[in-house]
N, C-alpha and C. Protein backbone atom coordinates (compact mmCIF):
# COMPACT_ATOMS: atom_id res chain seq x y z
N UNK A 1 -36.36 -18.52 9.00
CA UNK A 1 -35.44 -18.64 7.90
C UNK A 1 -35.90 -19.81 7.13
N UNK A 2 -35.46 -19.64 5.96
CA UNK A 2 -35.99 -20.58 4.77
C UNK A 2 -35.17 -22.11 4.98
N UNK A 3 -35.84 -23.20 4.76
CA UNK A 3 -35.03 -24.27 4.79
C UNK A 3 -34.02 -24.20 3.54
N UNK A 4 -32.91 -24.87 3.76
CA UNK A 4 -32.04 -24.99 2.59
C UNK A 4 -31.36 -26.29 2.61
N UNK A 5 -31.00 -26.85 1.41
CA UNK A 5 -30.37 -28.17 1.29
C UNK A 5 -28.87 -28.07 1.34
N UNK A 6 -28.48 -26.78 1.33
CA UNK A 6 -26.98 -26.50 1.26
C UNK A 6 -26.45 -26.37 2.63
N UNK A 7 -25.31 -26.85 3.04
CA UNK A 7 -24.58 -26.72 4.24
C UNK A 7 -23.56 -25.52 4.01
N UNK A 8 -23.58 -24.39 4.77
CA UNK A 8 -22.64 -23.42 4.54
C UNK A 8 -21.41 -23.47 5.54
N UNK A 9 -20.22 -23.13 5.13
CA UNK A 9 -19.77 -22.68 3.78
C UNK A 9 -19.82 -23.89 2.82
N UNK A 10 -19.92 -23.57 1.53
CA UNK A 10 -19.80 -24.63 0.54
C UNK A 10 -19.32 -23.99 -0.79
N UNK A 11 -18.77 -24.82 -1.68
CA UNK A 11 -18.36 -24.52 -2.83
C UNK A 11 -19.54 -24.45 -3.69
N UNK A 12 -19.85 -23.24 -4.44
CA UNK A 12 -21.09 -23.11 -5.12
C UNK A 12 -20.80 -22.80 -6.53
N UNK A 13 -21.36 -23.57 -7.52
CA UNK A 13 -21.13 -23.08 -8.91
C UNK A 13 -22.32 -22.27 -9.48
N UNK A 14 -22.16 -20.91 -9.65
CA UNK A 14 -23.27 -20.06 -9.97
C UNK A 14 -23.25 -19.94 -11.62
N UNK A 15 -24.22 -20.35 -12.19
CA UNK A 15 -24.40 -20.08 -13.68
C UNK A 15 -25.13 -18.91 -14.05
N UNK A 16 -24.62 -18.07 -14.89
CA UNK A 16 -25.29 -16.76 -15.26
C UNK A 16 -25.24 -16.79 -16.87
N UNK A 17 -26.42 -16.68 -17.38
CA UNK A 17 -26.53 -16.63 -18.93
C UNK A 17 -26.97 -15.23 -19.36
N UNK A 18 -26.29 -14.75 -20.43
CA UNK A 18 -26.66 -13.45 -20.77
C UNK A 18 -26.33 -13.27 -22.29
N UNK A 19 -26.47 -12.17 -23.00
CA UNK A 19 -26.03 -11.81 -24.13
C UNK A 19 -24.56 -11.82 -24.40
N UNK A 20 -24.05 -12.28 -25.51
CA UNK A 20 -22.54 -12.45 -25.58
C UNK A 20 -22.09 -11.05 -26.02
N UNK A 21 -22.01 -10.03 -25.23
CA UNK A 21 -21.58 -8.78 -25.46
C UNK A 21 -20.39 -8.52 -24.52
N UNK A 22 -19.45 -7.56 -24.96
CA UNK A 22 -18.25 -7.29 -24.23
C UNK A 22 -18.46 -7.12 -22.79
N UNK A 23 -19.41 -6.24 -22.49
CA UNK A 23 -19.50 -5.98 -21.02
C UNK A 23 -20.27 -6.73 -20.11
N UNK A 24 -20.89 -7.90 -20.73
CA UNK A 24 -21.56 -8.88 -19.95
C UNK A 24 -20.71 -9.49 -18.78
N UNK A 25 -19.62 -10.01 -19.16
CA UNK A 25 -18.77 -10.80 -18.11
C UNK A 25 -18.35 -9.66 -17.16
N UNK A 26 -17.80 -8.49 -17.50
CA UNK A 26 -17.52 -7.48 -16.58
C UNK A 26 -18.53 -7.24 -15.61
N UNK A 27 -19.58 -6.90 -16.17
CA UNK A 27 -20.84 -6.52 -15.23
C UNK A 27 -21.14 -7.67 -14.18
N UNK A 28 -21.17 -8.89 -14.73
CA UNK A 28 -21.49 -10.01 -13.80
C UNK A 28 -20.35 -10.16 -12.76
N UNK A 29 -19.17 -10.05 -13.21
CA UNK A 29 -17.96 -10.11 -12.24
C UNK A 29 -17.98 -9.10 -11.13
N UNK A 30 -18.49 -7.77 -11.58
CA UNK A 30 -18.59 -6.59 -10.70
C UNK A 30 -19.62 -7.03 -9.59
N UNK A 31 -20.76 -7.48 -9.95
CA UNK A 31 -21.82 -7.91 -9.18
C UNK A 31 -21.24 -9.00 -8.12
N UNK A 32 -20.62 -10.09 -8.76
CA UNK A 32 -20.18 -11.20 -7.80
C UNK A 32 -19.19 -10.79 -6.89
N UNK A 33 -18.35 -9.80 -7.21
CA UNK A 33 -17.41 -9.43 -6.34
C UNK A 33 -17.85 -8.60 -5.28
N UNK A 34 -19.00 -7.93 -5.31
CA UNK A 34 -19.70 -7.19 -4.44
C UNK A 34 -20.16 -8.26 -3.13
N UNK A 35 -20.63 -9.30 -3.53
CA UNK A 35 -21.09 -10.20 -2.78
C UNK A 35 -20.18 -11.28 -2.23
N UNK A 36 -19.16 -11.46 -3.03
CA UNK A 36 -18.02 -12.48 -2.74
C UNK A 36 -16.71 -11.73 -3.02
N UNK A 37 -16.18 -11.08 -2.13
CA UNK A 37 -15.10 -10.28 -2.33
C UNK A 37 -13.80 -11.05 -2.75
N UNK A 38 -13.87 -12.21 -2.41
CA UNK A 38 -12.51 -12.99 -2.65
C UNK A 38 -12.66 -13.64 -3.94
N UNK A 39 -13.68 -13.49 -4.87
CA UNK A 39 -13.78 -14.04 -6.06
C UNK A 39 -12.91 -13.37 -7.09
N UNK A 40 -12.30 -14.17 -7.89
CA UNK A 40 -11.31 -13.70 -8.92
C UNK A 40 -11.90 -14.10 -10.20
N UNK A 41 -11.10 -13.50 -11.38
CA UNK A 41 -11.72 -13.95 -12.67
C UNK A 41 -11.16 -15.34 -12.96
N UNK A 42 -10.19 -15.98 -12.10
CA UNK A 42 -9.86 -17.37 -12.45
C UNK A 42 -10.94 -18.27 -12.06
N UNK A 43 -11.94 -17.79 -11.25
CA UNK A 43 -12.91 -18.63 -10.85
C UNK A 43 -14.25 -18.63 -11.96
N UNK A 44 -13.99 -18.05 -12.98
CA UNK A 44 -14.99 -17.91 -14.08
C UNK A 44 -14.68 -18.84 -15.16
N UNK A 45 -15.52 -19.72 -15.66
CA UNK A 45 -15.47 -20.31 -16.82
C UNK A 45 -16.60 -19.88 -17.81
N UNK A 46 -16.21 -19.77 -19.11
CA UNK A 46 -17.09 -19.29 -20.07
C UNK A 46 -17.37 -20.26 -21.18
N UNK A 47 -18.69 -20.23 -21.74
CA UNK A 47 -19.18 -21.05 -22.58
C UNK A 47 -20.14 -20.27 -23.54
N UNK A 48 -19.67 -19.88 -24.71
CA UNK A 48 -20.56 -19.08 -25.68
C UNK A 48 -21.57 -20.12 -26.31
N UNK A 49 -22.79 -19.89 -26.61
CA UNK A 49 -23.77 -20.62 -27.28
C UNK A 49 -23.24 -21.01 -28.77
N UNK A 50 -24.14 -22.03 -29.25
CA UNK A 50 -23.73 -22.36 -30.73
C UNK A 50 -23.62 -21.38 -31.64
N UNK A 51 -24.59 -20.45 -31.54
CA UNK A 51 -24.50 -19.27 -32.50
C UNK A 51 -23.83 -18.19 -32.04
N UNK A 52 -23.17 -18.22 -30.98
CA UNK A 52 -22.29 -17.23 -30.31
C UNK A 52 -23.12 -16.02 -29.86
N UNK A 53 -24.42 -15.99 -29.89
CA UNK A 53 -25.21 -15.03 -29.31
C UNK A 53 -25.37 -14.75 -27.95
N UNK A 54 -25.19 -15.97 -27.25
CA UNK A 54 -25.28 -15.93 -25.73
C UNK A 54 -24.05 -16.46 -25.10
N UNK A 55 -23.91 -16.05 -23.85
CA UNK A 55 -22.62 -16.67 -23.13
C UNK A 55 -23.11 -17.09 -21.87
N UNK A 56 -22.62 -18.14 -21.50
CA UNK A 56 -22.84 -18.89 -20.18
C UNK A 56 -21.54 -18.75 -19.28
N UNK A 57 -21.67 -18.10 -18.26
CA UNK A 57 -20.57 -17.90 -17.28
C UNK A 57 -20.85 -18.85 -16.01
N UNK A 58 -19.92 -19.48 -15.65
CA UNK A 58 -19.92 -20.25 -14.24
C UNK A 58 -18.95 -19.74 -13.30
N UNK A 59 -19.46 -19.29 -12.21
CA UNK A 59 -18.44 -18.59 -11.25
C UNK A 59 -18.51 -19.54 -10.03
N UNK A 60 -17.34 -20.14 -9.89
CA UNK A 60 -17.41 -20.99 -8.58
C UNK A 60 -16.75 -20.25 -7.53
N UNK A 61 -17.41 -20.33 -6.45
CA UNK A 61 -16.88 -19.73 -5.19
C UNK A 61 -17.36 -20.35 -4.02
N UNK A 62 -16.74 -20.00 -2.79
CA UNK A 62 -17.22 -20.56 -1.41
C UNK A 62 -18.40 -19.64 -1.05
N UNK A 63 -19.53 -20.13 -0.75
CA UNK A 63 -20.77 -19.36 -0.36
C UNK A 63 -20.72 -19.54 1.11
N UNK A 64 -20.93 -18.50 1.65
CA UNK A 64 -21.14 -18.28 3.12
C UNK A 64 -22.56 -18.62 3.85
N UNK A 65 -23.58 -18.10 3.13
CA UNK A 65 -24.97 -18.19 3.55
C UNK A 65 -25.86 -18.29 2.51
N UNK A 66 -27.10 -18.74 2.91
CA UNK A 66 -28.42 -18.48 1.83
C UNK A 66 -28.61 -17.14 1.60
N UNK A 67 -28.45 -16.30 2.52
CA UNK A 67 -28.75 -14.85 2.45
C UNK A 67 -27.77 -14.18 1.42
N UNK A 68 -26.49 -14.61 1.28
CA UNK A 68 -25.55 -14.06 0.43
C UNK A 68 -25.93 -14.45 -1.02
N UNK A 69 -26.37 -15.64 -1.16
CA UNK A 69 -26.72 -16.29 -2.55
C UNK A 69 -27.97 -15.51 -2.85
N UNK A 70 -29.04 -15.44 -1.95
CA UNK A 70 -30.22 -14.83 -2.40
C UNK A 70 -30.00 -13.39 -2.80
N UNK A 71 -29.22 -12.56 -2.08
CA UNK A 71 -28.89 -11.22 -2.57
C UNK A 71 -28.01 -11.09 -3.82
N UNK A 72 -27.27 -12.10 -4.19
CA UNK A 72 -26.46 -12.19 -5.24
C UNK A 72 -27.40 -12.47 -6.40
N UNK A 73 -28.28 -13.54 -6.22
CA UNK A 73 -29.28 -13.81 -7.30
C UNK A 73 -30.21 -12.63 -7.68
N UNK A 74 -30.57 -11.96 -6.77
CA UNK A 74 -31.66 -10.93 -6.72
C UNK A 74 -30.88 -9.79 -7.80
N UNK A 75 -29.64 -9.43 -7.32
CA UNK A 75 -29.10 -8.33 -8.08
C UNK A 75 -28.59 -8.68 -9.45
N UNK A 76 -28.16 -10.02 -9.76
CA UNK A 76 -27.93 -10.47 -11.02
C UNK A 76 -29.10 -10.40 -11.84
N UNK A 77 -30.31 -11.04 -11.31
CA UNK A 77 -31.59 -11.03 -12.09
C UNK A 77 -32.20 -9.66 -12.50
N UNK A 78 -31.89 -8.74 -11.56
CA UNK A 78 -32.27 -7.42 -11.98
C UNK A 78 -31.41 -6.81 -13.19
N UNK A 79 -30.27 -7.19 -13.61
CA UNK A 79 -29.37 -6.72 -14.46
C UNK A 79 -29.97 -6.87 -15.81
N UNK A 80 -29.91 -5.76 -16.74
CA UNK A 80 -30.54 -5.98 -17.99
C UNK A 80 -29.73 -6.97 -18.81
N UNK A 81 -28.65 -7.21 -18.66
CA UNK A 81 -27.66 -8.12 -19.50
C UNK A 81 -27.95 -9.55 -19.16
N UNK A 82 -28.48 -9.80 -17.93
CA UNK A 82 -28.70 -11.14 -17.45
C UNK A 82 -29.85 -11.69 -17.95
N UNK A 83 -29.90 -12.89 -18.61
CA UNK A 83 -31.10 -13.54 -19.11
C UNK A 83 -31.63 -14.65 -18.13
N UNK A 84 -30.68 -15.25 -17.41
CA UNK A 84 -30.91 -16.43 -16.67
C UNK A 84 -29.93 -16.61 -15.52
N UNK A 85 -30.28 -17.18 -14.32
CA UNK A 85 -29.31 -17.55 -13.30
C UNK A 85 -29.72 -18.83 -12.96
N UNK A 86 -28.67 -19.64 -12.87
CA UNK A 86 -29.05 -21.11 -12.30
C UNK A 86 -28.12 -21.33 -11.03
């Protein structure tokens, strides 16, 4: 297993940046819910970029394991609307 600085379970703020198109938030939420079934839309904060071209979403949830986070990042990063995850 890989070394991790996080202790699980922990509250984890996941940042996802993508194009500010209507389906971006819905697609991200669908992927998050697959890995974090208890996540709700109330856990999402949104910040559009200055030019409104991009949207930064922060989804805060309780992460159970490094594996859960790795799988979530992998799936998000494979999505064509996602530009960056932090």
